[in-house]
Amino acid sequence: MSLQKLPSLSVFFPCYNEEKNIPKMVKKLREVLPLVAKKYEIIIVEDGSTDKSAKVADALAAQDKLIRVIHHAHNMGYGMSLRSGIAAARYQWIFFTDGDLQFDLRELETFIPYVKDASVIIGYRLKRAEGKTRAFNAWLFKQLINMLFGIYVKDIDCAFKLIKTELLQSLPLQSSGACISAEFLYRLKCKGYTFIELPVHHYPRKYGVASGNKLVIIQKALWETLRLFLSLHLTKENAV
């Protein structure tokens, strides 16, 4: 158990067609969050799912006043889901992860001792669980991000991040897709923040279907990355 607790914590997770994972995700959060925060809220960002995710999330929120649900009328993408979660957060710290149960939420406890030294604490996967193709695609994307933005963290897209809310809510984020993590890390770096990186375990998905390897998602991520680079560098936009 953590000896130190955060004064308040907003936790959110995006979900798209995760009807089987959502109840399990909430159950695990309700077990872990009292150990790491004095006050907390759980925000489910339901991204226009075509299964019963919306009904499942609403039913959980109706039973628990600590749960809120944000609904997207249609699927808007991972980046927009993160932006919705960030905007909705009401407490001092934000922790976000994915709704597919591929992380051990208990490892959030290992992050808490570092909040006295840093405002941005990010996880990196010790070993990705999605297979060689997905890992190779992620490695290529990381090389592109480093070449364009010079972020140089171990695992840009690891969905296990603890960051002060005011920092994220102050950023003029543009990305709607897979480039979102690279964008806010780059903007935070430009503001002078350094990152503490901690290892986390990654496990195979049990329910639902991952979409990150779809060609259309990869193409959108590449286009979004280049568009962001042009916006920030060639048009001389202030990154902060």
Protein backbone atom coordinates (compact mmCIF):
# COMPACT_ATOMS: atom_id res chain seq x y z
CA MET A 1 0.00 0.00 0.00
CA SER A 2 1.21 3.48 -0.82
CA LEU A 3 2.32 5.41 2.25
CA GLN A 4 1.59 8.64 0.40
CA LYS A 5 -1.69 9.53 -1.26
CA LEU A 6 -2.54 12.15 -3.83
CA PRO A 7 -4.92 14.84 -2.55
CA SER A 8 -7.22 14.27 -5.53
CA LEU A 9 -7.13 12.27 -8.73
CA SER A 10 -9.17 12.17 -11.93
CA VAL A 11 -8.90 8.86 -13.75
CA PHE A 12 -10.23 8.34 -17.22
CA PHE A 13 -10.08 5.66 -19.85
CA PRO A 14 -11.30 5.78 -23.44
CA CYS A 15 -13.31 2.87 -24.75
CA TYR A 16 -14.57 1.82 -28.14
CA ASN A 17 -16.49 -1.46 -28.26
CA GLU A 18 -15.25 -2.59 -24.84
CA GLU A 19 -18.55 -3.76 -23.30
CA LYS A 20 -16.93 -6.79 -21.61
CA ASN A 21 -13.94 -4.86 -20.32
CA ILE A 22 -15.67 -1.79 -18.84
CA PRO A 23 -17.17 -3.44 -15.71
CA LYS A 24 -13.91 -5.24 -14.95
CA MET A 25 -11.96 -2.03 -15.49
CA VAL A 26 -14.18 -0.07 -13.10
CA LYS A 27 -14.02 -2.84 -10.50
CA LYS A 28 -10.21 -2.80 -10.54
CA LEU A 29 -10.09 0.98 -10.36
CA ARG A 30 -12.41 1.00 -7.35
CA GLU A 31 -9.99 -1.42 -5.65
CA VAL A 32 -6.82 0.53 -6.46
CA LEU A 33 -7.83 4.20 -6.26
CA PRO A 34 -8.52 4.33 -2.50
CA LEU A 35 -4.90 3.24 -2.01
CA VAL A 36 -3.43 6.11 -4.03
CA ALA A 37 -5.78 9.10 -3.64
CA LYS A 38 -7.78 10.73 -0.85
CA LYS A 39 -10.43 11.83 -3.35
CA TYR A 40 -10.97 10.55 -6.85
CA GLU A 41 -13.34 10.27 -9.79
CA ILE A 42 -13.61 7.80 -12.67
CA ILE A 43 -14.43 9.10 -16.14
CA ILE A 44 -15.38 6.71 -18.91
CA VAL A 45 -14.95 8.23 -22.37
CA GLU A 46 -17.26 6.22 -24.60
CA ASP A 47 -16.14 6.91 -28.17
CA GLY A 48 -19.23 6.18 -30.24
CA SER A 49 -19.18 2.42 -29.72
CA THR A 50 -21.36 0.15 -31.87
CA ASP A 51 -21.73 -2.50 -29.17
CA LYS A 52 -23.33 -2.12 -25.72
CA SER A 53 -20.46 -0.09 -24.22
CA ALA A 54 -22.58 3.04 -23.81
CA LYS A 55 -25.36 1.21 -21.94
CA VAL A 56 -22.88 -0.66 -19.76
CA ALA A 57 -21.05 2.57 -18.85
CA ASP A 58 -24.27 4.44 -18.09
CA ALA A 59 -25.51 1.61 -15.87
CA LEU A 60 -22.29 1.72 -13.85
CA ALA A 61 -22.50 5.50 -13.49
CA ALA A 62 -26.10 5.23 -12.31
CA GLN A 63 -24.95 2.93 -9.50
CA ASP A 64 -21.86 4.88 -8.45
CA LYS A 65 -21.69 8.67 -7.96
CA LEU A 66 -17.90 8.61 -8.46
CA ILE A 67 -18.31 7.52 -12.09
CA ARG A 68 -19.09 9.86 -14.97
CA VAL A 69 -19.54 8.98 -18.63
CA ILE A 70 -18.67 11.15 -21.61
CA HIS A 71 -20.39 10.07 -24.83
CA HIS A 72 -19.18 10.82 -28.33
CA ALA A 73 -22.04 10.74 -30.81
CA HIS A 74 -19.79 8.88 -33.24
CA ASN A 75 -16.30 7.42 -33.19
CA MET A 76 -13.94 10.40 -33.02
CA GLY A 77 -10.62 8.65 -32.41
CA TYR A 78 -8.17 8.07 -29.61
CA GLY A 79 -6.85 11.61 -29.51
CA MET A 80 -10.28 13.15 -29.19
CA SER A 81 -11.11 10.66 -26.43
CA LEU A 82 -8.04 11.75 -24.48
CA ARG A 83 -8.87 15.40 -25.05
CA SER A 84 -12.41 14.83 -23.76
CA GLY A 85 -11.08 13.09 -20.67
CA ILE A 86 -8.55 15.83 -20.00
CA ALA A 87 -11.16 18.57 -20.37
CA ALA A 88 -13.57 16.79 -18.03
CA ALA A 89 -11.06 16.21 -15.21
CA ARG A 90 -11.89 18.11 -12.02
CA TYR A 91 -9.12 17.06 -9.67
CA GLN A 92 -5.45 17.92 -9.14
CA TRP A 93 -3.88 14.98 -10.94
CA ILE A 94 -4.89 13.02 -14.05
CA PHE A 95 -4.17 9.37 -14.57
CA PHE A 96 -5.24 7.81 -17.83
CA THR A 97 -4.95 4.33 -19.22
CA ASP A 98 -6.69 2.20 -21.84
CA GLY A 99 -9.94 0.38 -21.22
CA ASP A 100 -8.72 -2.98 -22.53
CA LEU A 101 -7.25 -4.30 -19.24
CA GLN A 102 -3.75 -4.76 -20.68
CA PHE A 103 -2.13 -2.99 -17.72
CA ASP A 104 -1.99 -3.90 -14.05
CA LEU A 105 -3.64 -0.92 -12.40
CA ARG A 106 -2.00 -1.77 -9.09
CA GLU A 107 1.26 -0.51 -10.56
CA LEU A 108 -0.09 3.01 -10.22
CA GLU A 109 1.01 2.72 -6.58
CA THR A 110 4.64 2.68 -7.73
CA PHE A 111 4.14 6.08 -9.38
CA ILE A 112 2.91 7.92 -6.30
CA PRO A 113 6.26 8.36 -4.47
CA TYR A 114 7.57 10.33 -7.47
CA VAL A 115 4.95 13.09 -7.43
CA LYS A 116 7.02 15.10 -4.98
CA ASP A 117 9.78 15.40 -7.61
CA ALA A 118 7.89 15.61 -10.91
CA SER A 119 4.64 16.72 -12.49
CA VAL A 120 4.83 14.27 -15.41
CA ILE A 121 5.28 10.57 -14.65
CA ILE A 122 4.93 8.20 -17.58
CA GLY A 123 5.09 4.45 -17.91
CA TYR A 124 6.97 2.36 -20.42
CA ARG A 125 6.09 -1.21 -21.26
CA LEU A 126 8.74 -3.73 -20.25
CA LYS A 127 7.51 -5.95 -23.08
CA ARG A 128 4.66 -5.21 -25.47
CA ALA A 129 2.02 -7.92 -25.55
CA GLU A 130 0.54 -7.36 -29.03
CA GLY A 131 3.08 -9.30 -31.06
CA LYS A 132 6.04 -8.51 -33.31
CA THR A 133 4.18 -6.64 -36.06
CA ARG A 134 2.57 -4.16 -33.68
CA ALA A 135 5.86 -3.74 -31.80
CA PHE A 136 7.72 -3.06 -35.07
CA ASN A 137 5.12 -0.51 -36.19
CA ALA A 138 5.42 1.20 -32.81
CA TRP A 139 9.21 1.28 -33.13
CA LEU A 140 8.98 2.91 -36.57
CA PHE A 141 6.50 5.48 -35.28
CA LYS A 142 8.82 6.24 -32.36
CA GLN A 143 11.71 6.88 -34.74
CA LEU A 144 9.57 9.29 -36.76
CA ILE A 145 8.43 11.14 -33.63
CA ASN A 146 11.98 11.43 -32.34
CA MET A 147 13.23 12.68 -35.70
CA LEU A 148 10.51 15.34 -35.99
CA PHE A 149 9.99 16.37 -32.36
CA GLY A 150 13.00 15.12 -30.38
CA ILE A 151 11.00 13.78 -27.45
CA TYR A 152 13.21 10.73 -26.79
CA VAL A 153 11.20 8.80 -24.23
CA LYS A 154 11.21 5.03 -23.99
CA ASP A 155 7.54 4.46 -24.88
CA ILE A 156 5.66 7.47 -26.22
CA ASP A 157 2.27 5.79 -26.50
CA CYS A 158 2.23 3.77 -23.31
CA ALA A 159 -1.25 4.39 -21.89
CA PHE A 160 -0.17 4.61 -18.27
CA LYS A 161 0.50 8.24 -17.44
CA LEU A 162 0.13 10.38 -14.30
CA ILE A 163 0.28 14.13 -14.95
CA LYS A 164 -0.84 17.27 -13.13
CA THR A 165 -4.19 18.33 -14.47
CA GLU A 166 -3.39 22.01 -14.87
CA LEU A 167 -0.51 21.17 -17.19
CA LEU A 168 -2.58 19.10 -19.60
CA GLN A 169 -5.55 21.46 -19.52
CA SER A 170 -3.31 24.40 -20.42
CA LEU A 171 -2.17 22.85 -23.71
CA PRO A 172 -3.74 23.83 -27.07
CA LEU A 173 -3.97 20.24 -28.30
CA GLN A 174 -4.77 19.59 -31.95
CA SER A 175 -4.42 15.84 -32.49
CA SER A 176 -7.49 13.64 -32.77
CA GLY A 177 -5.73 10.32 -33.32
CA ALA A 178 -2.62 8.37 -32.41
CA CYS A 179 -0.34 11.42 -32.37
CA ILE A 180 -1.95 12.83 -29.22
CA SER A 181 0.64 11.50 -26.73
CA ALA A 182 3.53 12.74 -28.84
CA GLU A 183 1.88 16.14 -29.08
CA PHE A 184 1.29 16.74 -25.39
CA LEU A 185 4.72 15.35 -24.42
CA TYR A 186 6.34 17.66 -26.97
CA ARG A 187 4.38 20.67 -25.72
CA LEU A 188 5.26 19.86 -22.11
CA LYS A 189 8.91 19.49 -23.06
CA CYS A 190 8.80 22.90 -24.75
CA LYS A 191 7.49 24.32 -21.48
CA GLY A 192 10.56 22.97 -19.73
CA TYR A 193 9.07 19.95 -17.97
CA THR A 194 11.10 16.79 -17.59
CA PHE A 195 9.58 13.33 -17.39
CA ILE A 196 10.09 10.51 -14.95
CA GLU A 197 9.77 7.17 -16.77
CA LEU A 198 8.81 4.03 -14.85
CA PRO A 199 8.42 0.43 -16.04
CA VAL A 200 5.01 -1.23 -16.21
CA HIS A 201 3.91 -4.66 -17.32
CA HIS A 202 1.75 -5.23 -20.37
CA TYR A 203 -0.60 -8.17 -20.84
CA PRO A 204 -2.53 -9.70 -23.77
CA ARG A 205 -6.04 -8.47 -24.42
CA LYS A 206 -8.72 -10.93 -23.24
CA TYR A 207 -11.84 -9.31 -24.68
CA GLY A 208 -12.57 -7.12 -27.67
CA VAL A 209 -10.51 -6.43 -30.77
CA ALA A 210 -7.52 -4.08 -31.05
CA SER A 211 -7.57 -1.62 -33.95
CA GLY A 212 -4.07 -0.15 -33.84
CA ASN A 213 -2.72 -2.36 -36.63
CA LYS A 214 -5.37 -1.39 -39.17
CA LEU A 215 -3.91 0.28 -42.25
CA VAL A 216 -6.33 3.20 -42.07
CA ILE A 217 -5.27 3.92 -38.46
CA ILE A 218 -1.59 3.80 -39.39
CA GLN A 219 -2.13 6.10 -42.37
CA LYS A 220 -4.09 8.56 -40.25
CA ALA A 221 -1.36 8.57 -37.59
CA LEU A 222 1.34 9.33 -40.16
CA TRP A 223 -0.69 12.12 -41.76
CA GLU A 224 -1.57 13.61 -38.39
CA THR A 225 2.09 13.54 -37.30
CA LEU A 226 3.26 15.35 -40.41
CA ARG A 227 0.43 17.86 -40.18
CA LEU A 228 1.31 18.61 -36.55
CA PHE A 229 4.97 19.04 -37.45
CA LEU A 230 4.10 21.50 -40.20
CA SER A 231 1.77 23.41 -37.90
CA LEU A 232 4.29 23.70 -35.07
CA HIS A 233 7.47 24.29 -37.04
CA LEU A 234 6.81 25.71 -40.49
CA THR A 235 4.07 28.10 -39.45
CA LYS A 236 6.06 29.12 -36.36
CA GLU A 237 3.19 28.27 -34.02
CA ASN A 238 4.08 28.55 -30.36
CA ALA A 239 4.18 24.94 -29.13
CA VAL A 240 3.20 25.94 -25.63
